[in-house]
């Protein structure tokens, strides 16, 4: 339960950091008079798409690790069952 609280705190801090970074980027693009509007839009789209790509990479890595853990647990349970059956046959 305590780990879940720490994870929630860390996730909230990360979300706050991302929101702050987007806010500061938006302010700097808005206040920049030397950069044309089309270039600002292009930069903004690039940042948003990069963020989406990073979220997908993290999600797929998490899913792969979760799948590997699930397979390892199944393999461990199968091996334990085989060992238990082999010990029952010896007795």
N, C-alpha and C. Protein backbone atom coordinates (compact mmCIF):
# COMPACT_ATOMS: atom_id res chain seq x y z
N UNK A 1 0.83 -1.19 0.00
CA UNK A 1 0.00 0.00 0.00
C UNK A 1 0.87 1.25 0.00
N UNK A 2 1.94 1.22 0.75
CA UNK A 2 2.84 2.37 0.82
C UNK A 2 3.53 2.62 -0.52
N UNK A 3 3.87 1.53 -1.24
CA UNK A 3 4.50 1.69 -2.56
C UNK A 3 3.54 2.37 -3.54
N UNK A 4 2.28 2.02 -3.43
CA UNK A 4 1.29 2.62 -4.33
C UNK A 4 1.21 4.12 -4.10
N UNK A 5 1.28 4.54 -2.82
CA UNK A 5 1.25 5.97 -2.50
C UNK A 5 2.46 6.68 -3.10
N UNK A 6 3.64 6.06 -2.99
CA UNK A 6 4.85 6.67 -3.55
C UNK A 6 4.76 6.73 -5.07
N UNK A 7 4.24 5.67 -5.70
CA UNK A 7 4.09 5.69 -7.17
C UNK A 7 3.13 6.77 -7.61
N UNK A 8 2.03 6.95 -6.87
CA UNK A 8 1.07 7.99 -7.21
C UNK A 8 1.71 9.36 -7.08
N UNK A 9 2.47 9.56 -6.02
CA UNK A 9 3.16 10.84 -5.82
C UNK A 9 4.14 11.12 -6.96
N UNK A 10 4.91 10.13 -7.33
CA UNK A 10 5.90 10.30 -8.41
C UNK A 10 5.20 10.57 -9.73
N UNK A 11 4.11 9.82 -10.01
CA UNK A 11 3.38 10.05 -11.26
C UNK A 11 2.78 11.45 -11.30
N UNK A 12 2.23 11.90 -10.18
CA UNK A 12 1.66 13.26 -10.14
C UNK A 12 2.74 14.31 -10.35
N UNK A 13 3.91 14.12 -9.76
CA UNK A 13 5.01 15.06 -9.98
C UNK A 13 5.44 15.06 -11.45
N UNK A 14 5.48 13.88 -12.07
CA UNK A 14 5.84 13.81 -13.49
C UNK A 14 4.79 14.50 -14.36
N UNK A 15 3.51 14.28 -14.06
CA UNK A 15 2.45 14.95 -14.83
C UNK A 15 2.55 16.46 -14.66
N UNK A 16 2.84 16.91 -13.44
CA UNK A 16 2.99 18.33 -13.20
C UNK A 16 4.18 18.89 -13.99
N UNK A 17 5.27 18.15 -14.03
CA UNK A 17 6.43 18.59 -14.80
C UNK A 17 6.14 18.68 -16.29
N UNK A 18 5.42 17.70 -16.82
CA UNK A 18 5.06 17.73 -18.25
C UNK A 18 4.13 18.90 -18.53
N UNK A 19 3.15 19.10 -17.67
CA UNK A 19 2.22 20.22 -17.87
C UNK A 19 2.97 21.55 -17.80
N UNK A 20 3.88 21.67 -16.86
CA UNK A 20 4.67 22.89 -16.74
C UNK A 20 5.53 23.11 -17.99
N UNK A 21 6.14 22.04 -18.49
CA UNK A 21 6.97 22.16 -19.70
C UNK A 21 6.13 22.58 -20.90
N UNK A 22 4.93 21.98 -21.04
CA UNK A 22 4.05 22.40 -22.14
C UNK A 22 3.62 23.86 -21.98
N UNK A 23 3.32 24.25 -20.75
CA UNK A 23 2.91 25.62 -20.51
C UNK A 23 4.01 26.62 -20.85
N UNK A 24 5.22 26.32 -20.40
CA UNK A 24 6.35 27.21 -20.70
C UNK A 24 6.65 27.24 -22.20
N UNK A 25 6.53 26.08 -22.86
CA UNK A 25 6.73 26.06 -24.32
C UNK A 25 5.67 26.91 -25.02
N UNK A 26 4.42 26.76 -24.58
CA UNK A 26 3.34 27.53 -25.20
C UNK A 26 3.56 29.03 -24.99
N UNK A 27 3.98 29.41 -23.80
CA UNK A 27 4.23 30.84 -23.53
C UNK A 27 5.39 31.35 -24.38
N UNK A 28 6.45 30.56 -24.49
CA UNK A 28 7.59 31.04 -25.28
C UNK A 28 7.24 31.13 -26.76
N UNK A 29 6.44 30.19 -27.26
CA UNK A 29 6.02 30.29 -28.66
C UNK A 29 5.07 31.47 -28.87
N UNK A 30 4.19 31.70 -27.91
CA UNK A 30 3.22 32.79 -28.02
C UNK A 30 3.92 34.15 -28.01
N UNK A 31 4.90 34.29 -27.13
CA UNK A 31 5.55 35.59 -26.97
C UNK A 31 6.67 35.85 -27.98
N UNK A 32 7.09 34.83 -28.70
CA UNK A 32 8.17 35.00 -29.67
C UNK A 32 7.64 35.71 -30.91
N UNK A 33 8.15 36.89 -31.14
CA UNK A 33 7.68 37.68 -32.30
C UNK A 33 8.55 37.45 -33.54
N UNK A 34 9.73 36.86 -33.37
CA UNK A 34 10.63 36.66 -34.50
C UNK A 34 10.29 35.41 -35.31
N UNK A 35 9.49 34.52 -34.75
CA UNK A 35 9.19 33.24 -35.40
C UNK A 35 7.80 33.33 -36.03
N UNK A 36 7.67 32.96 -37.31
CA UNK A 36 6.36 32.99 -37.97
C UNK A 36 5.39 31.98 -37.33
N UNK A 37 4.10 32.25 -37.47
CA UNK A 37 3.07 31.40 -36.86
C UNK A 37 3.14 29.97 -37.39
N UNK A 38 3.43 29.79 -38.67
CA UNK A 38 3.50 28.45 -39.23
C UNK A 38 4.64 27.65 -38.60
N UNK A 39 5.74 28.29 -38.34
CA UNK A 39 6.87 27.61 -37.69
C UNK A 39 6.52 27.25 -36.26
N UNK A 40 5.82 28.14 -35.55
CA UNK A 40 5.38 27.84 -34.20
C UNK A 40 4.46 26.61 -34.18
N UNK A 41 3.55 26.55 -35.12
CA UNK A 41 2.66 25.40 -35.22
C UNK A 41 3.42 24.12 -35.51
N UNK A 42 4.40 24.21 -36.38
CA UNK A 42 5.22 23.05 -36.71
C UNK A 42 5.97 22.56 -35.48
N UNK A 43 6.56 23.47 -34.73
CA UNK A 43 7.28 23.10 -33.50
C UNK A 43 6.32 22.48 -32.49
N UNK A 44 5.16 23.08 -32.34
CA UNK A 44 4.16 22.56 -31.41
C UNK A 44 3.72 21.15 -31.77
N UNK A 45 3.44 20.93 -33.06
CA UNK A 45 3.05 19.58 -33.50
C UNK A 45 4.17 18.58 -33.26
N UNK A 46 5.39 19.00 -33.51
CA UNK A 46 6.52 18.11 -33.28
C UNK A 46 6.64 17.69 -31.83
N UNK A 47 6.47 18.63 -30.92
CA UNK A 47 6.55 18.32 -29.49
C UNK A 47 5.42 17.38 -29.08
N UNK A 48 4.21 17.64 -29.54
CA UNK A 48 3.07 16.79 -29.19
C UNK A 48 3.26 15.38 -29.74
N UNK A 49 3.69 15.27 -30.99
CA UNK A 49 3.90 13.94 -31.58
C UNK A 49 5.05 13.19 -30.91
N UNK A 50 6.10 13.90 -30.53
CA UNK A 50 7.19 13.28 -29.80
C UNK A 50 6.70 12.74 -28.46
N UNK A 51 5.87 13.51 -27.78
CA UNK A 51 5.32 13.06 -26.50
C UNK A 51 4.47 11.82 -26.70
N UNK A 52 3.62 11.80 -27.71
CA UNK A 52 2.80 10.62 -27.98
C UNK A 52 3.66 9.39 -28.28
N UNK A 53 4.72 9.58 -29.03
CA UNK A 53 5.62 8.48 -29.34
C UNK A 53 6.30 7.95 -28.08
N UNK A 54 6.73 8.84 -27.22
CA UNK A 54 7.37 8.40 -25.98
C UNK A 54 6.40 7.65 -25.08
N UNK A 55 5.15 8.11 -25.01
CA UNK A 55 4.13 7.40 -24.22
C UNK A 55 3.93 6.00 -24.78
N UNK A 56 3.86 5.87 -26.10
CA UNK A 56 3.68 4.55 -26.71
C UNK A 56 4.86 3.63 -26.44
N UNK A 57 6.08 4.16 -26.52
CA UNK A 57 7.26 3.33 -26.26
C UNK A 57 7.22 2.81 -24.83
N UNK A 58 6.92 3.69 -23.88
CA UNK A 58 6.86 3.27 -22.48
C UNK A 58 5.76 2.24 -22.27
N UNK A 59 4.60 2.45 -22.90
CA UNK A 59 3.48 1.51 -22.75
C UNK A 59 3.85 0.14 -23.31
N UNK A 60 4.44 0.09 -24.49
CA UNK A 60 4.79 -1.19 -25.08
C UNK A 60 5.88 -1.90 -24.29
N UNK A 61 6.83 -1.16 -23.76
CA UNK A 61 7.86 -1.78 -22.92
C UNK A 61 7.24 -2.34 -21.64
N UNK A 62 6.31 -1.61 -21.05
CA UNK A 62 5.62 -2.07 -19.85
C UNK A 62 4.81 -3.32 -20.16
N UNK A 63 4.09 -3.32 -21.29
CA UNK A 63 3.31 -4.50 -21.68
C UNK A 63 4.19 -5.71 -21.93
N UNK A 64 5.36 -5.50 -22.55
CA UNK A 64 6.27 -6.62 -22.79
C UNK A 64 6.78 -7.18 -21.48
N UNK A 65 7.17 -6.32 -20.55
CA UNK A 65 7.66 -6.77 -19.24
C UNK A 65 6.56 -7.50 -18.48
N UNK A 66 5.34 -6.98 -18.53
CA UNK A 66 4.22 -7.63 -17.87
C UNK A 66 3.95 -9.00 -18.47
N UNK A 67 4.02 -9.11 -19.78
CA UNK A 67 3.83 -10.40 -20.45
C UNK A 67 4.93 -11.39 -20.08
N UNK A 68 6.17 -10.92 -20.04
CA UNK A 68 7.28 -11.79 -19.66
C UNK A 68 7.13 -12.28 -18.23
N UNK A 69 6.69 -11.38 -17.34
CA UNK A 69 6.47 -11.78 -15.95
C UNK A 69 5.36 -12.82 -15.84
N UNK A 70 4.31 -12.62 -16.61
CA UNK A 70 3.19 -13.57 -16.59
C UNK A 70 3.64 -14.94 -17.10
N UNK A 71 4.43 -14.95 -18.17
CA UNK A 71 4.94 -16.22 -18.69
C UNK A 71 5.86 -16.90 -17.69
N UNK A 72 6.67 -16.13 -17.00
CA UNK A 72 7.57 -16.70 -15.99
C UNK A 72 6.78 -17.31 -14.84
N UNK A 73 5.71 -16.68 -14.43
CA UNK A 73 4.88 -17.23 -13.35
C UNK A 73 4.20 -18.52 -13.80
N UNK A 74 3.73 -18.55 -15.03
CA UNK A 74 3.10 -19.77 -15.55
C UNK A 74 4.11 -20.89 -15.62
N UNK A 75 5.30 -20.59 -16.10
CA UNK A 75 6.37 -21.58 -16.19
C UNK A 75 6.75 -22.09 -14.80
N UNK A 76 6.84 -21.20 -13.84
CA UNK A 76 7.19 -21.58 -12.47
C UNK A 76 6.11 -22.47 -11.86
N UNK A 77 4.85 -22.12 -12.08
CA UNK A 77 3.75 -22.94 -11.56
C UNK A 77 3.74 -24.32 -12.22
N UNK A 78 4.02 -24.37 -13.51
CA UNK A 78 4.05 -25.66 -14.21
C UNK A 78 5.18 -26.53 -13.67
N UNK A 79 6.35 -25.93 -13.49
CA UNK A 79 7.48 -26.69 -12.96
C UNK A 79 7.21 -27.18 -11.54
N UNK A 80 6.57 -26.35 -10.74
CA UNK A 80 6.24 -26.74 -9.37
C UNK A 80 5.25 -27.89 -9.37
N UNK A 81 4.28 -27.84 -10.27
CA UNK A 81 3.28 -28.92 -10.37
C UNK A 81 3.95 -30.22 -10.83
N UNK A 82 4.86 -30.14 -11.80
CA UNK A 82 5.57 -31.34 -12.26
C UNK A 82 6.42 -31.93 -11.14
N UNK A 83 7.08 -31.09 -10.38
CA UNK A 83 7.90 -31.56 -9.27
C UNK A 83 7.03 -32.19 -8.19
N UNK A 84 5.90 -31.59 -7.92
CA UNK A 84 4.98 -32.14 -6.92
C UNK A 84 4.45 -33.50 -7.37
N UNK A 85 4.11 -33.63 -8.64
CA UNK A 85 3.62 -34.91 -9.16
C UNK A 85 4.72 -35.98 -9.12
N UNK A 86 5.95 -35.58 -9.42
CA UNK A 86 7.06 -36.53 -9.40
C UNK A 86 7.32 -37.00 -7.97
N UNK A 87 7.20 -36.13 -6.99
CA UNK A 87 7.41 -36.52 -5.60
C UNK A 87 6.29 -37.42 -5.10
N UNK A 88 5.07 -37.22 -5.57
CA UNK A 88 3.93 -38.05 -5.17
C UNK A 88 4.11 -39.47 -5.74
N UNK A 89 4.65 -39.56 -6.95
CA UNK A 89 4.84 -40.88 -7.57
C UNK A 89 5.93 -41.70 -6.86
N UNK A 90 6.92 -41.01 -6.30
CA UNK A 90 8.00 -41.72 -5.60
C UNK A 90 7.53 -42.33 -4.29
N UNK A 91 6.55 -41.70 -3.66
CA UNK A 91 6.08 -42.19 -2.36
C UNK A 91 5.12 -43.30 -2.52
